[in-house]
Amino acid sequence: MQHPIMNKSHQYTSEELHQLHAVLYDITSEMMRVCDHLGLRYFIIGGTAIGAYYWQSILPWDDDIDIGMPRCDYERFLREAPAVLRSEYYLQSPLSEEHTPFWFAKIRKNGTLFAEHDFKDIDMHQGIFVDVFPFDKIPRRAWLEKLQYEALGFFNACFIGKELWQWRHCGRCQVDVPRERGFAACLITRIVNALLPKRAIYGTIRWIQTWFNHTRADRLKNIVTTNDIVDANDVKNTQQVEFGPLMVAAPKNLLDYLETHYPHLRKDIPDEMKVNHRPDELKFG
């Protein structure tokens, strides 16, 4: 049996990363099978897309995979995937797990453990995971986009705060290094959390994300980020790219997407920028 990693500052060995990447490819393969079965669109994003572009695999130091879906496909995935996923996998979302601090979905592998330091004490499935994010339309007007981003950021903090208080004000901080946030914002978060149940906050997050989906806007965004933006046509007509043992869907103009998200995109990333989740405890089953 694999020995667990217990040290937060642990640096992965090459063997640990090799085993972890094998599980991540396995989860991604199952996600692809479900999407094919249900006729759903998906595309790789973020660091996963960088890995596919430069290395044709997971980034050598990375420990997760990020997937995007247009909103309509994401909603169907949440509703229908649990009945299609094989028994080795679990779809974690606010619809399936009461105490998750994540408003987005994670596909977790049963029988594994990836206990991240800040979240390890939360009563939820803590298996190795692949993240799945919805992408929604955003307006061309910068001030409207900023308003949407700021509103979502506030309610995302409320959602996380239901399970984990991350700030030094208005409560006992439950993380080692408090996140930067002013007293007024913390106080308003406490008031909102006292008045609204978690499910209502989740509904508000979804409402904010979909503000502009009825418009003719031609850009999609993972709203919680500042610049994870993709042209709608590039995910309507994706391309297949090599990704380790898999061929996965990527935005049609992958380099355009990456340069929008990462203005200083480069392959020779400095060591100090090679960050990962580094769990306190890791088991492969």
Protein backbone atom coordinates (compact mmCIF):
# COMPACT_ATOMS: atom_id res chain seq x y z
CA MET A 1 0.00 0.00 0.00
CA GLN A 2 1.17 3.51 -0.82
CA HIS A 3 2.40 5.40 2.23
CA PRO A 4 0.62 8.73 2.79
CA ILE A 5 2.30 12.09 2.41
CA MET A 6 1.91 13.88 5.74
CA ASN A 7 4.05 17.01 5.35
CA LYS A 8 2.49 20.16 3.90
CA SER A 9 5.86 21.30 2.50
CA HIS A 10 6.47 17.93 0.86
CA GLN A 11 7.87 17.98 -2.66
CA TYR A 12 6.64 15.13 -4.81
CA THR A 13 9.06 12.42 -5.82
CA SER A 14 9.08 11.45 -9.49
CA GLU A 15 7.37 8.16 -8.62
CA GLU A 16 4.58 9.92 -6.72
CA LEU A 17 3.96 12.28 -9.63
CA HIS A 18 4.00 9.35 -12.04
CA GLN A 19 1.34 7.52 -10.00
CA LEU A 20 -0.70 10.67 -9.49
CA HIS A 21 -0.65 11.53 -13.19
CA ALA A 22 -1.80 8.00 -14.03
CA VAL A 23 -4.86 8.44 -11.79
CA LEU A 24 -5.57 11.90 -13.28
CA TYR A 25 -5.46 10.50 -16.83
CA ASP A 26 -7.77 7.72 -15.67
CA ILE A 27 -10.33 10.17 -14.26
CA THR A 28 -10.10 12.33 -17.38
CA SER A 29 -10.68 9.30 -19.58
CA GLU A 30 -13.85 8.50 -17.64
CA MET A 31 -15.01 12.12 -17.93
CA MET A 32 -14.50 11.94 -21.70
CA ARG A 33 -16.44 8.67 -21.91
CA VAL A 34 -19.37 10.23 -20.05
CA CYS A 35 -19.30 13.35 -22.24
CA ASP A 36 -19.25 11.23 -25.39
CA HIS A 37 -22.14 9.12 -24.06
CA LEU A 38 -24.23 12.19 -23.22
CA GLY A 39 -23.17 14.28 -26.23
CA LEU A 40 -21.59 17.02 -24.10
CA ARG A 41 -18.87 19.49 -25.06
CA TYR A 42 -15.78 19.98 -22.92
CA PHE A 43 -12.32 21.51 -23.41
CA ILE A 44 -9.06 21.64 -21.48
CA ILE A 45 -8.19 24.93 -19.79
CA GLY A 46 -5.54 26.64 -17.65
CA GLY A 47 -2.38 24.78 -16.78
CA THR A 48 -3.80 21.64 -18.35
CA ALA A 49 -3.92 23.45 -21.70
CA ILE A 50 -0.34 24.70 -21.20
CA GLY A 51 0.78 21.12 -20.59
CA ALA A 52 -0.98 19.89 -23.73
CA TYR A 53 0.50 22.72 -25.84
CA TYR A 54 4.15 22.47 -24.72
CA TRP A 55 4.54 18.93 -23.33
CA GLN A 56 1.56 17.04 -24.85
CA SER A 57 0.89 15.85 -21.29
CA ILE A 58 0.21 17.08 -17.77
CA LEU A 59 2.70 19.73 -16.71
CA PRO A 60 5.64 17.80 -15.23
CA TRP A 61 5.14 19.30 -11.74
CA ASP A 62 1.34 19.65 -11.76
CA ASP A 63 -1.10 17.59 -9.72
CA ASP A 64 -4.55 18.34 -11.13
CA ILE A 65 -6.45 18.70 -14.40
CA ASP A 66 -8.85 21.52 -15.29
CA ILE A 67 -11.76 21.09 -17.68
CA GLY A 68 -14.19 23.72 -19.01
CA MET A 69 -17.72 23.24 -20.31
CA PRO A 70 -20.21 25.67 -21.85
CA ARG A 71 -22.98 26.37 -19.33
CA CYS A 72 -25.67 24.25 -21.02
CA ASP A 73 -23.35 21.23 -21.17
CA TYR A 74 -22.17 21.78 -17.60
CA GLU A 75 -25.72 21.80 -16.24
CA ARG A 76 -26.53 18.56 -18.05
CA PHE A 77 -23.28 17.06 -16.77
CA LEU A 78 -24.27 17.83 -13.16
CA ARG A 79 -27.72 16.30 -13.66
CA GLU A 80 -26.96 13.28 -15.80
CA ALA A 81 -23.34 12.23 -15.23
CA PRO A 82 -23.89 10.62 -11.79
CA ALA A 83 -26.08 7.95 -13.39
CA VAL A 84 -23.47 7.27 -16.11
CA LEU A 85 -20.21 7.41 -14.17
CA ARG A 86 -18.72 4.04 -13.33
CA SER A 87 -18.72 3.02 -9.67
CA GLU A 88 -15.04 3.93 -9.19
CA TYR A 89 -15.82 7.64 -9.61
CA TYR A 90 -17.82 10.28 -7.77
CA LEU A 91 -19.17 13.60 -9.06
CA GLN A 92 -18.78 16.14 -6.28
CA SER A 93 -20.78 19.36 -6.52
CA PRO A 94 -23.06 21.45 -4.29
CA LEU A 95 -25.91 19.32 -5.66
CA SER A 96 -24.36 16.07 -4.44
CA GLU A 97 -22.43 16.98 -1.29
CA GLU A 98 -23.64 19.23 1.49
CA HIS A 99 -20.27 20.35 2.87
CA THR A 100 -18.20 20.93 -0.25
CA PRO A 101 -16.61 24.40 -0.16
CA PHE A 102 -16.34 24.39 -3.98
CA TRP A 103 -19.14 25.85 -6.10
CA PHE A 104 -17.81 24.00 -9.19
CA ALA A 105 -17.70 20.26 -9.88
CA LYS A 106 -14.94 17.77 -9.18
CA ILE A 107 -14.76 14.20 -10.44
CA ARG A 108 -13.08 12.21 -7.68
CA LYS A 109 -11.67 8.71 -7.72
CA ASN A 110 -13.10 6.49 -5.02
CA GLY A 111 -10.57 4.70 -2.83
CA THR A 112 -7.95 7.45 -3.20
CA LEU A 113 -7.04 10.34 -0.92
CA PHE A 114 -5.84 13.86 -1.72
CA ALA A 115 -6.21 15.76 1.55
CA GLU A 116 -5.33 19.41 0.90
CA HIS A 117 -4.11 21.20 3.99
CA ASP A 118 -6.84 23.84 4.25
CA PHE A 119 -9.71 21.47 3.45
CA LYS A 120 -8.62 18.20 5.08
CA ASP A 121 -10.96 18.53 8.09
CA ILE A 122 -14.12 19.16 6.05
CA ASP A 123 -16.54 16.23 6.01
CA MET A 124 -16.52 15.52 2.27
CA HIS A 125 -15.09 13.16 -0.33
CA GLN A 126 -11.35 13.89 -0.52
CA GLY A 127 -10.23 11.66 -3.37
CA ILE A 128 -7.87 12.58 -6.21
CA PHE A 129 -9.81 14.85 -8.56
CA VAL A 130 -10.29 16.55 -11.90
CA ASP A 131 -11.90 20.02 -11.77
CA VAL A 132 -14.81 20.90 -14.08
CA PHE A 133 -15.81 24.57 -14.51
CA PRO A 134 -18.75 26.16 -16.33
CA PHE A 135 -18.02 28.86 -18.91
CA ASP A 136 -20.56 31.66 -19.39
CA LYS A 137 -20.94 34.62 -21.71
CA ILE A 138 -19.39 37.93 -20.72
CA PRO A 139 -20.16 41.43 -22.02
CA ARG A 140 -17.83 43.58 -24.07
CA ARG A 141 -18.13 46.50 -21.65
CA ALA A 142 -15.26 46.23 -19.20
CA TRP A 143 -17.20 47.77 -16.30
CA LEU A 144 -19.97 45.19 -16.64
CA GLU A 145 -17.46 42.36 -16.75
CA LYS A 146 -15.75 43.76 -13.64
CA LEU A 147 -19.08 44.09 -11.82
CA GLN A 148 -19.92 40.46 -12.58
CA TYR A 149 -16.46 39.33 -11.45
CA GLU A 150 -16.59 41.28 -8.19
CA ALA A 151 -20.13 40.13 -7.36
CA LEU A 152 -19.18 36.51 -7.94
CA GLY A 153 -16.04 36.91 -5.86
CA PHE A 154 -18.07 38.13 -2.90
CA PHE A 155 -20.62 35.31 -3.01
CA ASN A 156 -17.89 32.74 -3.64
CA ALA A 157 -16.31 33.93 -0.37
CA CYS A 158 -19.69 33.53 1.33
CA PHE A 159 -20.00 30.01 -0.05
CA ILE A 160 -16.54 28.97 1.15
CA GLY A 161 -17.13 30.76 4.46
CA LYS A 162 -20.03 28.43 5.23
CA GLU A 163 -17.45 25.64 5.64
CA LEU A 164 -14.09 27.35 6.18
CA TRP A 165 -13.41 30.81 7.60
CA GLN A 166 -10.25 32.10 5.90
CA TRP A 167 -9.93 35.63 7.28
CA ARG A 168 -8.71 37.24 10.49
CA HIS A 169 -11.86 39.35 11.04
CA CYS A 170 -15.31 38.40 12.38
CA GLY A 171 -14.51 34.83 13.31
CA ARG A 172 -11.82 32.27 14.09
CA CYS A 173 -9.54 31.92 11.09
CA GLN A 174 -9.24 28.23 10.12
CA VAL A 175 -6.25 28.50 7.76
CA ASP A 176 -2.59 28.98 8.62
CA VAL A 177 -2.20 32.18 6.62
CA PRO A 178 -5.33 34.39 6.63
CA ARG A 179 -6.48 35.62 3.22
CA GLU A 180 -6.36 39.36 2.65
CA ARG A 181 -9.81 40.83 3.27
CA GLY A 182 -11.04 43.93 5.05
CA PHE A 183 -13.21 44.02 8.17
CA ALA A 184 -16.27 45.41 6.35
CA ALA A 185 -16.22 42.65 3.72
CA CYS A 186 -15.85 40.00 6.42
CA LEU A 187 -18.71 41.49 8.42
CA ILE A 188 -21.04 41.59 5.40
CA THR A 189 -20.08 37.99 4.61
CA ARG A 190 -21.04 36.97 8.16
CA ILE A 191 -24.38 38.74 7.83
CA VAL A 192 -25.14 37.15 4.46
CA ASN A 193 -24.19 33.72 5.78
CA ALA A 194 -26.45 34.21 8.80
CA LEU A 195 -29.40 35.17 6.61
CA LEU A 196 -29.04 32.82 3.64
CA PRO A 197 -28.70 29.03 3.54
CA LYS A 198 -25.81 27.60 1.57
CA ARG A 199 -28.06 26.40 -1.24
CA ALA A 200 -29.39 29.96 -1.73
CA ILE A 201 -25.82 31.30 -1.95
CA TYR A 202 -25.04 28.66 -4.56
CA GLY A 203 -28.12 29.73 -6.51
CA THR A 204 -26.95 33.34 -6.35
CA ILE A 205 -23.53 32.33 -7.70
CA ARG A 206 -25.16 30.58 -10.64
CA TRP A 207 -27.44 33.60 -11.24
CA ILE A 208 -24.46 35.97 -11.36
CA GLN A 209 -22.50 33.69 -13.68
CA THR A 210 -25.38 33.52 -16.17
CA TRP A 211 -26.25 37.26 -16.26
CA PHE A 212 -25.27 37.64 -19.92
CA ASN A 213 -26.02 34.19 -21.33
CA HIS A 214 -29.15 35.51 -23.05
CA THR A 215 -27.12 38.07 -25.02
CA ARG A 216 -25.30 37.75 -28.35
CA ALA A 217 -21.91 38.00 -26.64
CA ASP A 218 -19.22 35.92 -28.36
CA ARG A 219 -16.80 35.34 -25.48
CA LEU A 220 -17.04 32.75 -22.70
CA LYS A 221 -15.32 32.99 -19.35
CA ASN A 222 -14.76 31.08 -16.14
CA ILE A 223 -16.28 34.03 -14.27
CA VAL A 224 -14.42 33.48 -11.00
CA THR A 225 -11.12 34.27 -12.78
CA THR A 226 -9.86 37.56 -14.17
CA ASN A 227 -8.89 36.43 -17.67
CA ASP A 228 -9.78 32.78 -18.34
CA ILE A 229 -11.61 33.78 -21.54
CA VAL A 230 -12.22 31.82 -24.73
CA ASP A 231 -13.96 32.66 -28.01
CA ALA A 232 -17.33 30.91 -28.20
CA ASN A 233 -16.57 29.61 -31.70
CA ASP A 234 -13.33 28.04 -30.47
CA VAL A 235 -15.21 25.75 -28.08
CA LYS A 236 -18.07 25.15 -30.46
CA ASN A 237 -15.51 23.69 -32.87
CA THR A 238 -12.76 22.21 -30.72
CA GLN A 239 -9.62 20.40 -31.88
CA GLN A 240 -8.18 17.10 -30.66
CA VAL A 241 -4.73 17.36 -29.08
CA GLU A 242 -2.37 14.84 -27.55
CA PHE A 243 -2.45 14.71 -23.76
CA GLY A 244 -0.38 11.87 -22.34
CA PRO A 245 -2.14 8.62 -23.35
CA LEU A 246 -5.29 10.52 -24.38
CA MET A 247 -6.52 12.69 -27.23
CA VAL A 248 -8.57 15.47 -25.63
CA ALA A 249 -10.66 18.40 -26.84
CA ALA A 250 -8.99 21.84 -26.74
CA PRO A 251 -10.10 25.29 -27.94
CA LYS A 252 -9.70 25.47 -31.70
CA ASN A 253 -7.21 28.36 -31.50
CA LEU A 254 -5.38 27.00 -28.48
CA LEU A 255 -2.48 29.46 -28.60
CA ASP A 256 -4.88 32.43 -28.78
CA TYR A 257 -6.68 31.15 -25.69
CA LEU A 258 -3.42 30.60 -23.80
CA GLU A 259 -2.02 34.02 -24.66
CA THR A 260 -5.26 35.65 -23.48
CA HIS A 261 -5.16 33.79 -20.20
CA TYR A 262 -1.37 33.99 -19.76
CA PRO A 263 -0.03 37.21 -21.36
CA HIS A 264 3.57 36.16 -20.56
CA LEU A 265 3.17 32.57 -21.74
CA ARG A 266 6.45 30.64 -21.97
CA LYS A 267 7.65 27.06 -21.73
CA ASP A 268 10.67 27.71 -19.52
CA ILE A 269 8.61 28.60 -16.44
CA PRO A 270 10.78 29.69 -13.47
CA ASP A 271 10.90 27.21 -10.59
CA GLU A 272 9.17 29.63 -8.22
CA MET A 273 6.13 29.62 -10.50
CA LYS A 274 5.84 25.82 -10.60
CA VAL A 275 3.18 25.57 -7.93
CA ASN A 276 0.84 22.71 -7.08
CA HIS A 277 -1.57 21.64 -4.33
CA ARG A 278 0.87 19.50 -2.30
CA PRO A 279 -1.62 17.61 -0.08
CA ASP A 280 -0.96 16.73 3.52
CA GLU A 281 -2.00 13.17 2.77
CA LEU A 282 -1.97 11.27 -0.50
CA LYS A 283 -3.07 7.69 -1.14
CA PHE A 284 -3.54 5.93 -4.45
CA GLY A 285 -5.71 3.12 -3.07
